[in-house]
Each structure stands twice: as C-alpha cells, then as structure tokens.
Amino acid sequence: MPKLVHAVAGAIALATISPFWLSTVAVELSGWQAGIIGVKTTIPYGFIVLIPALIATGGSGGSWPGPGPVASSTPSEHA
C-alpha cells in the first residue's frame, strides 16, 4: 500500500510542478508582461496541491523496508 501511495503522490507532485515550470518558461520567453504577472500570481495556489503531495511522497517513501543509510566510505579516524 505505501508503494501505491508513494507512486500516486509522486505523480501528482510531478504533474503539479511540470506546468509551473513550463508556463514560467513560456511566458518568460514571450516577454508578455501580463502573462508573467498572471503565472507568477497563480503558481502559489498550486502549493495547495503540491505540498501535501510532497509530504505524502516523502512519508510513504520513508516507510519502505530495506537497508538503512549506507555507511561512509571514508577511512575511519581510529585506524
């Protein structure tokens, strides 16, 4: 179940970030001042969807069983 939640929440996050980025690039390249203002004003409303999706993605990904963090490959100071 956590893998499904992780996949769905990750897809929602990606589907939210992509239009932010694409619309920003498009209006910045066009140089249309009203479009730039509109996009920059609208993006924060997307945070209502993006932030919970990122929280769900991180929370569900952190609950997967598996090996813990990989030990550092630097030599020990005690050697």
C-alpha atoms as a PDB file:
ATOM      1  CA  MET A   1       0.000   0.000   0.000  1.00  0.00           C
ATOM      2  CA  PRO A   2       2.753   2.561   0.791  1.00  0.00           C
ATOM      3  CA  LYS A   3       4.276   1.968  -2.655  1.00  0.00           C
ATOM      4  CA  LEU A   4       0.951   2.816  -4.295  1.00  0.00           C
ATOM      5  CA  VAL A   5       0.577   5.953  -2.179  1.00  0.00           C
ATOM      6  CA  HIS A   6       4.176   6.884  -2.997  1.00  0.00           C
ATOM      7  CA  ALA A   7       3.645   6.411  -6.731  1.00  0.00           C
ATOM      8  CA  VAL A   8       0.355   8.316  -6.852  1.00  0.00           C
ATOM      9  CA  ALA A   9       1.571  11.179  -4.664  1.00  0.00           C
ATOM     10  CA  GLY A  10       4.795  11.413  -6.668  1.00  0.00           C
ATOM     11  CA  ALA A  11       2.838  11.540  -9.913  1.00  0.00           C
ATOM     12  CA  ILE A  12       0.593  14.286  -8.520  1.00  0.00           C
ATOM     13  CA  ALA A  13       3.651  16.264  -7.396  1.00  0.00           C
ATOM     14  CA  LEU A  14       5.278  15.901 -10.810  1.00  0.00           C
ATOM     15  CA  ALA A  15       2.023  16.818 -12.550  1.00  0.00           C
ATOM     16  CA  THR A  16       1.870  19.951 -10.392  1.00  0.00           C
ATOM     17  CA  ILE A  17       5.492  21.046 -10.811  1.00  0.00           C
ATOM     18  CA  SER A  18       5.643  20.499 -14.572  1.00  0.00           C
ATOM     19  CA  PRO A  19       3.008  23.098 -15.511  1.00  0.00           C
ATOM     20  CA  PHE A  20       4.600  25.583 -13.072  1.00  0.00           C
ATOM     21  CA  TRP A  21       7.896  25.239 -14.826  1.00  0.00           C
ATOM     22  CA  LEU A  22       6.583  25.058 -18.392  1.00  0.00           C
ATOM     23  CA  SER A  23       4.277  28.052 -18.006  1.00  0.00           C
ATOM     24  CA  THR A  24       7.058  30.084 -16.382  1.00  0.00           C
ATOM     25  CA  VAL A  25       9.462  29.316 -19.226  1.00  0.00           C
ATOM     26  CA  ALA A  26       6.831  30.047 -21.874  1.00  0.00           C
ATOM     27  CA  VAL A  27       5.808  33.456 -20.539  1.00  0.00           C
ATOM     28  CA  GLU A  28       9.367  34.493 -19.708  1.00  0.00           C
ATOM     29  CA  LEU A  29      10.457  33.685 -23.262  1.00  0.00           C
ATOM     30  CA  SER A  30       7.472  35.521 -24.716  1.00  0.00           C
ATOM     31  CA  GLY A  31       8.191  38.601 -22.628  1.00  0.00           C
ATOM     32  CA  TRP A  32       4.478  39.287 -22.241  1.00  0.00           C
ATOM     33  CA  GLN A  33       4.299  41.282 -19.005  1.00  0.00           C
ATOM     34  CA  ALA A  34       0.651  40.485 -18.186  1.00  0.00           C
ATOM     35  CA  GLY A  35       1.297  36.776 -18.740  1.00  0.00           C
ATOM     36  CA  ILE A  36       4.332  36.814 -16.476  1.00  0.00           C
ATOM     37  CA  ILE A  37       2.350  38.513 -13.715  1.00  0.00           C
ATOM     38  CA  GLY A  38      -0.517  36.054 -14.172  1.00  0.00           C
ATOM     39  CA  VAL A  39       1.694  32.985 -13.983  1.00  0.00           C
ATOM     40  CA  LYS A  40       3.684  34.253 -11.005  1.00  0.00           C
ATOM     41  CA  THR A  41       0.425  35.106  -9.223  1.00  0.00           C
ATOM     42  CA  THR A  42      -1.185  31.728  -9.957  1.00  0.00           C
ATOM     43  CA  ILE A  43       1.729  29.460  -9.004  1.00  0.00           C
ATOM     44  CA  PRO A  44       1.299  29.830  -5.208  1.00  0.00           C
ATOM     45  CA  TYR A  45      -2.263  28.481  -5.486  1.00  0.00           C
ATOM     46  CA  GLY A  46      -0.738  25.252  -6.789  1.00  0.00           C
ATOM     47  CA  PHE A  47       1.093  24.859  -3.482  1.00  0.00           C
ATOM     48  CA  ILE A  48      -2.252  23.780  -2.009  1.00  0.00           C
ATOM     49  CA  VAL A  49      -1.883  20.586  -4.069  1.00  0.00           C
ATOM     50  CA  LEU A  50       1.917  20.362  -4.247  1.00  0.00           C
ATOM     51  CA  ILE A  51       2.833  20.496  -0.556  1.00  0.00           C
ATOM     52  CA  PRO A  52       0.511  17.663   0.589  1.00  0.00           C
ATOM     53  CA  ALA A  53       1.652  15.575  -2.396  1.00  0.00           C
ATOM     54  CA  LEU A  54       5.312  16.052  -1.444  1.00  0.00           C
ATOM     55  CA  ILE A  55       4.570  15.231   2.197  1.00  0.00           C
ATOM     56  CA  ALA A  56       2.758  12.038   1.173  1.00  0.00           C
ATOM     57  CA  THR A  57       5.567  11.095  -1.214  1.00  0.00           C
ATOM     58  CA  GLY A  58       8.254  11.573   1.431  1.00  0.00           C
ATOM     59  CA  GLY A  59       6.244   9.921   4.179  1.00  0.00           C
ATOM     60  CA  SER A  60       5.344   6.863   2.164  1.00  0.00           C
ATOM     61  CA  GLY A  61       8.847   6.501   0.714  1.00  0.00           C
ATOM     62  CA  GLY A  62      10.448   6.630   4.144  1.00  0.00           C
ATOM     63  CA  SER A  63       8.335   3.746   5.399  1.00  0.00           C
ATOM     64  CA  TRP A  64       9.673   1.198   2.885  1.00  0.00           C
ATOM     65  CA  PRO A  65      11.596  -1.676   4.416  1.00  0.00           C
ATOM     66  CA  GLY A  66      15.147  -2.096   3.280  1.00  0.00           C
ATOM     67  CA  PRO A  67      18.718  -1.308   4.143  1.00  0.00           C
ATOM     68  CA  GLY A  68      19.384   1.782   6.168  1.00  0.00           C
ATOM     69  CA  PRO A  69      21.722   4.561   5.138  1.00  0.00           C
ATOM     70  CA  VAL A  70      24.925   3.403   3.501  1.00  0.00           C
ATOM     71  CA  ALA A  71      27.981   3.758   5.721  1.00  0.00           C
ATOM     72  CA  SER A  72      30.528   6.363   4.763  1.00  0.00           C
ATOM     73  CA  SER A  73      33.312   5.103   2.511  1.00  0.00           C
ATOM     74  CA  THR A  74      35.900   7.379   4.105  1.00  0.00           C
ATOM     75  CA  PRO A  75      38.557   5.682   6.234  1.00  0.00           C
ATOM     76  CA  SER A  76      37.994   5.598   9.937  1.00  0.00           C
ATOM     77  CA  GLU A  77      39.893   8.105  12.054  1.00  0.00           C
ATOM     78  CA  HIS A  78      40.679   5.317  14.552  1.00  0.00           C
ATOM     79  CA  ALA A  79      42.840   3.333  12.134  1.00  0.00           C
END
